[in-house]
Amino acid sequence: MTARPEEEIQLDFDRRRRTGLDESIFAQRKSAEQLHVIFETAHARDASLLITRLDRQKYDALAPRWSHQLDYCGVSQSAFFGSCARARGGGVPRVAIVAAGSSDASVAREAQRTLEFSGVAARLFVDVGVAGLWRLTQHLDAISAFPIVIAVAGMDAALPTVLGGLIAGCIIAVPTSVGYGVAAGGHAALHSVLASCAPGIVAVNIDNGYGAACAALRMIGRSALWGEPCRAEVDAQPAG
C-alpha cells in the first residue's frame, strides 16, 4: 500500500531550541502533495520554514495559496515560508561569502539566503576567482574584516586555499560542480579543498551552500560562550 503524503511528513519544530538552527525543507524530489502537507502543517502552527532546492518548475506548480506566501529566489532556488519570513536578515553583515565565478553564484546565494532566514546578514563578493587574482586582492581588505568567510569555488577550487594564506578568519569552503571534464561534477574541487596546504580550512559537500551557512550559524551561535567555562568542566566541579 502506498503511503499517504501526511504519513510521510514529520516536521521538526523543536530544532531551533536544540541546535540553534531553524527547520528547513529540502524540496528536491518532494512531490506537490508532500509540499502541500508541509505548508499546511507549518501554516497551522504559524511557523516559518526555509525551503531549499525548490526549482522554478516546482515553484510554478504550487497552488497560489502557498506560492503567494513564499519569498522565492530563483537564483538560489530557495524560499522563505511564513508570516515573519520577509522581515529577516537585516543589520550589519557578519559573514563574507566569496564566490570564485558568476557560475558559482547560485550556491553562494543559497548560503546567503540561509543566513538571511536566520537573521544574519552577509556580504557577497562574486567573480573574484584566482584566474584573475587582481579581482580578489582588490577586495582583500574588506574580506579580511569578517571573522567568518564562506568560499565558494568550482574547477580546481583554489580560492579557499589562497584565502587561507591571506586572511585570519575561519574559512568554510564550498566546492561546486562547475567545471569541465576531469572536474567530475565537483569531485576535483572537493579533493582539492580537502588536500589544501592552507591549515584550518573546513569543507562541506559539493554545492552545499546551505550546509556552509549552517556551519557559520553554529559558529556565531556559540561565539558568545567562548569566554565561559565548558559545560563538562562545570558539571565536573564537586558540589558544596
Protein backbone atom coordinates (compact mmCIF):
# COMPACT_ATOMS: atom_id res chain seq x y z
CA MET A 1 0.00 0.00 0.00
CA THR A 2 1.32 3.43 -0.94
CA ALA A 3 1.78 5.80 1.99
CA ARG A 4 -0.28 8.98 2.03
CA PRO A 5 1.68 12.27 1.97
CA GLU A 6 0.61 13.15 5.52
CA GLU A 7 2.12 9.86 6.71
CA GLU A 8 5.48 10.75 5.15
CA ILE A 9 5.94 14.16 6.78
CA GLN A 10 7.10 14.90 10.32
CA LEU A 11 8.32 18.46 10.78
CA ASP A 12 10.89 19.28 13.45
CA PHE A 13 9.52 22.39 15.17
CA ASP A 14 11.86 21.90 18.14
CA ARG A 15 15.07 22.10 16.11
CA ARG A 16 15.91 25.72 16.94
CA ARG A 17 15.73 25.06 20.69
CA ARG A 18 18.01 22.02 20.40
CA THR A 19 20.52 23.15 17.81
CA GLY A 20 20.02 26.86 17.18
CA LEU A 21 19.06 26.13 13.56
CA ASP A 22 15.60 26.52 12.07
CA GLU A 23 13.66 23.71 10.45
CA SER A 24 14.33 23.60 6.71
CA ILE A 25 12.79 21.67 3.85
CA PHE A 26 14.83 20.06 1.07
CA ALA A 27 12.32 20.30 -1.78
CA GLN A 28 14.22 18.31 -4.39
CA ARG A 29 12.25 15.15 -5.28
CA LYS A 30 9.41 16.08 -2.95
CA SER A 31 6.01 15.82 -4.60
CA ALA A 32 3.49 18.64 -4.80
CA GLU A 33 1.32 16.68 -2.40
CA GLN A 34 4.14 16.42 0.14
CA LEU A 35 4.86 20.15 -0.10
CA HIS A 36 1.15 20.87 0.37
CA VAL A 37 1.14 18.87 3.62
CA ILE A 38 4.32 20.62 4.78
CA PHE A 39 2.90 24.09 4.15
CA GLU A 40 -0.46 23.17 5.69
CA THR A 41 1.24 21.87 8.84
CA ALA A 42 3.51 24.92 9.19
CA HIS A 43 0.62 27.32 8.50
CA ALA A 44 -1.47 25.71 11.24
CA ARG A 45 1.31 26.47 13.74
CA ASP A 46 2.15 29.89 12.30
CA ALA A 47 5.66 28.56 11.73
CA SER A 48 8.23 29.81 9.25
CA LEU A 49 10.28 27.48 7.06
CA LEU A 50 13.34 27.72 4.85
CA ILE A 51 12.84 25.81 1.60
CA THR A 52 15.91 24.76 -0.42
CA ARG A 53 16.30 23.23 -3.89
CA LEU A 54 12.88 24.45 -4.99
CA ASP A 55 13.30 24.80 -8.74
CA ARG A 56 11.23 27.19 -10.83
CA GLN A 57 9.09 24.45 -12.37
CA LYS A 58 8.10 23.09 -8.96
CA TYR A 59 7.51 26.60 -7.61
CA ASP A 60 5.25 27.46 -10.55
CA ALA A 61 3.27 24.25 -9.94
CA LEU A 62 2.40 25.20 -6.35
CA ALA A 63 -1.14 26.22 -5.54
CA PRO A 64 -1.45 30.05 -5.41
CA ARG A 65 -2.48 29.70 -1.78
CA TRP A 66 1.09 28.65 -0.97
CA SER A 67 3.15 30.39 -3.63
CA HIS A 68 1.73 33.76 -2.50
CA GLN A 69 3.16 33.09 0.96
CA LEU A 70 6.66 32.37 -0.35
CA ASP A 71 9.55 34.79 -0.69
CA TYR A 72 11.13 32.97 -3.64
CA CYS A 73 14.61 33.41 -5.14
CA GLY A 74 15.10 31.69 -8.48
CA VAL A 75 18.90 32.06 -8.47
CA SER A 76 19.35 30.12 -5.22
CA GLN A 77 16.20 28.01 -5.69
CA SER A 78 15.22 28.85 -2.13
CA ALA A 79 12.11 30.23 -0.48
CA PHE A 80 11.01 31.62 2.87
CA PHE A 81 7.60 30.47 4.05
CA GLY A 82 5.58 32.10 6.80
CA SER A 83 4.41 35.41 8.16
CA CYS A 84 7.75 36.51 9.67
CA ALA A 85 9.98 35.22 6.88
CA ARG A 86 10.07 38.50 4.93
CA ALA A 87 11.44 40.56 7.82
CA ARG A 88 14.70 38.72 8.38
CA GLY A 89 18.36 39.24 7.61
CA GLY A 90 18.85 42.96 8.18
CA GLY A 91 21.63 44.74 10.01
CA VAL A 92 25.39 44.82 9.66
CA PRO A 93 26.85 41.88 7.64
CA ARG A 94 28.56 39.33 9.88
CA VAL A 95 29.74 36.82 7.25
CA ALA A 96 31.53 37.25 3.92
CA ILE A 97 30.55 34.95 1.06
CA VAL A 98 33.22 34.88 -1.65
CA ALA A 99 32.38 33.19 -4.95
CA ALA A 100 35.11 32.44 -7.49
CA GLY A 101 32.92 32.90 -10.57
CA SER A 102 29.46 34.05 -11.54
CA SER A 103 28.73 30.38 -12.33
CA ASP A 104 29.09 29.72 -8.60
CA ALA A 105 26.55 32.43 -7.73
CA SER A 106 23.63 30.05 -7.20
CA VAL A 107 25.48 28.18 -4.46
CA ALA A 108 26.71 31.42 -2.91
CA ARG A 109 23.17 32.80 -2.91
CA GLU A 110 21.88 29.64 -1.22
CA ALA A 111 24.34 30.30 1.60
CA GLN A 112 23.35 33.97 1.77
CA ARG A 113 19.63 33.18 1.84
CA THR A 114 20.11 30.58 4.58
CA LEU A 115 21.90 33.14 6.72
CA GLU A 116 19.27 35.76 5.90
CA PHE A 117 16.46 33.44 7.00
CA SER A 118 18.20 33.08 10.37
CA GLY A 119 18.56 36.83 10.78
CA VAL A 120 22.24 37.07 9.83
CA ALA A 121 23.26 39.46 7.09
CA ALA A 122 26.13 38.55 4.77
CA ARG A 123 28.18 40.47 2.23
CA LEU A 124 28.55 38.79 -1.14
CA PHE A 125 31.68 39.03 -3.32
CA VAL A 126 31.15 37.36 -6.72
CA ASP A 127 33.52 36.68 -9.64
CA VAL A 128 36.73 37.13 -7.65
CA GLY A 129 38.42 33.84 -8.58
CA VAL A 130 42.15 33.33 -8.80
CA ALA A 131 42.20 33.19 -12.61
CA GLY A 132 42.33 36.98 -12.32
CA LEU A 133 43.99 37.36 -8.94
CA TRP A 134 43.63 41.16 -9.00
CA ARG A 135 39.87 40.73 -8.68
CA LEU A 136 40.39 39.08 -5.30
CA THR A 137 43.17 41.30 -4.00
CA GLN A 138 41.19 44.48 -4.63
CA HIS A 139 38.60 43.21 -2.11
CA LEU A 140 41.04 41.59 0.31
CA ASP A 141 40.89 44.29 3.00
CA ALA A 142 37.10 44.11 3.06
CA ILE A 143 37.03 40.30 3.14
CA SER A 144 39.67 40.06 5.88
CA ALA A 145 37.50 42.18 8.18
CA PHE A 146 35.00 39.30 8.55
CA PRO A 147 35.56 36.62 11.20
CA ILE A 148 33.80 34.01 9.05
CA VAL A 149 34.30 33.64 5.29
CA ILE A 150 32.41 31.17 3.10
CA ALA A 151 34.50 30.50 -0.02
CA VAL A 152 32.59 29.05 -2.98
CA ALA A 153 34.57 27.68 -5.94
CA GLY A 154 34.46 25.07 -8.67
CA MET A 155 37.06 23.78 -11.15
CA ASP A 156 40.25 23.38 -9.05
CA ALA A 157 38.73 25.28 -6.10
CA ALA A 158 41.94 27.22 -5.49
CA LEU A 159 40.10 30.16 -3.93
CA PRO A 160 39.75 28.77 -0.37
CA THR A 161 43.46 27.86 -0.27
CA VAL A 162 44.53 31.30 -1.47
CA LEU A 163 42.28 32.95 1.11
CA GLY A 164 43.67 30.59 3.75
CA GLY A 165 47.13 32.02 3.16
CA LEU A 166 46.00 35.64 3.26
CA ILE A 167 43.34 36.14 5.95
CA ALA A 168 42.84 35.14 9.57
CA GLY A 169 39.10 34.42 9.52
CA CYS A 170 37.51 31.00 9.72
CA ILE A 171 37.16 29.73 6.14
CA ILE A 172 34.33 27.39 5.19
CA ALA A 173 34.98 26.01 1.71
CA VAL A 174 32.14 25.03 -0.61
CA PRO A 175 33.35 23.12 -3.69
CA THR A 176 30.91 23.42 -6.59
CA SER A 177 30.08 21.22 -9.55
CA VAL A 178 31.24 23.90 -12.02
CA GLY A 179 33.98 22.75 -14.41
CA TYR A 180 34.97 20.78 -17.48
CA GLY A 181 35.89 17.11 -17.93
CA VAL A 182 38.05 15.91 -15.06
CA ALA A 183 36.39 18.41 -12.74
CA ALA A 184 33.95 15.48 -12.47
CA GLY A 185 30.96 17.35 -11.19
CA GLY A 186 32.82 18.94 -8.30
CA HIS A 187 34.83 15.95 -7.10
CA ALA A 188 38.12 17.51 -8.20
CA ALA A 189 37.18 20.70 -6.32
CA LEU A 190 36.27 18.73 -3.20
CA HIS A 191 39.52 16.75 -3.27
CA SER A 192 41.48 19.96 -3.84
CA VAL A 193 39.95 21.59 -0.78
CA LEU A 194 40.45 18.50 1.37
CA ALA A 195 44.10 18.36 0.27
CA SER A 196 44.67 22.10 0.79
CA CYS A 197 48.05 23.10 2.17
CA ALA A 198 46.48 26.07 3.96
CA PRO A 199 45.82 24.84 7.51
CA GLY A 200 42.49 25.21 9.23
CA ILE A 201 40.15 25.28 6.23
CA VAL A 202 36.95 23.30 6.73
CA ALA A 203 34.83 21.96 3.87
CA VAL A 204 31.24 20.98 3.21
CA ASN A 205 29.83 18.83 0.44
CA ILE A 206 29.65 19.77 -3.24
CA ASP A 207 27.22 22.65 -3.96
CA ASN A 208 26.14 22.70 -0.31
CA GLY A 209 25.71 26.41 0.30
CA TYR A 210 23.02 25.60 2.86
CA GLY A 211 25.41 23.44 4.89
CA ALA A 212 28.13 26.10 4.82
CA ALA A 213 25.70 28.71 6.13
CA CYS A 214 24.57 26.35 8.91
CA ALA A 215 28.21 25.86 9.93
CA ALA A 216 28.60 29.65 10.09
CA LEU A 217 25.41 29.94 12.16
CA ARG A 218 26.71 27.36 14.65
CA MET A 219 29.94 29.35 15.00
CA ILE A 220 28.05 32.58 15.53
CA GLY A 221 25.67 30.95 17.99
CA ARG A 222 28.47 29.56 20.15
CA SER A 223 30.82 32.53 19.94
CA ALA A 224 29.09 34.26 22.85
CA LEU A 225 30.02 31.30 25.05
CA TRP A 226 33.73 31.15 24.18
CA GLY A 227 34.63 33.12 27.30
CA GLU A 228 32.57 30.85 29.55
CA PRO A 229 33.77 27.55 31.06
CA CYS A 230 32.97 24.36 29.21
CA ARG A 231 29.73 22.73 30.38
CA ALA A 232 31.61 19.48 31.04
CA GLU A 233 34.06 21.34 33.28
CA VAL A 234 31.22 22.94 35.22
CA ASP A 235 29.45 19.60 35.66
CA ALA A 236 32.71 18.02 36.88
CA GLN A 237 33.10 20.53 39.74
CA PRO A 238 32.44 18.97 43.15
CA ALA A 239 29.24 20.10 44.85
CA GLY A 240 29.49 22.12 48.04
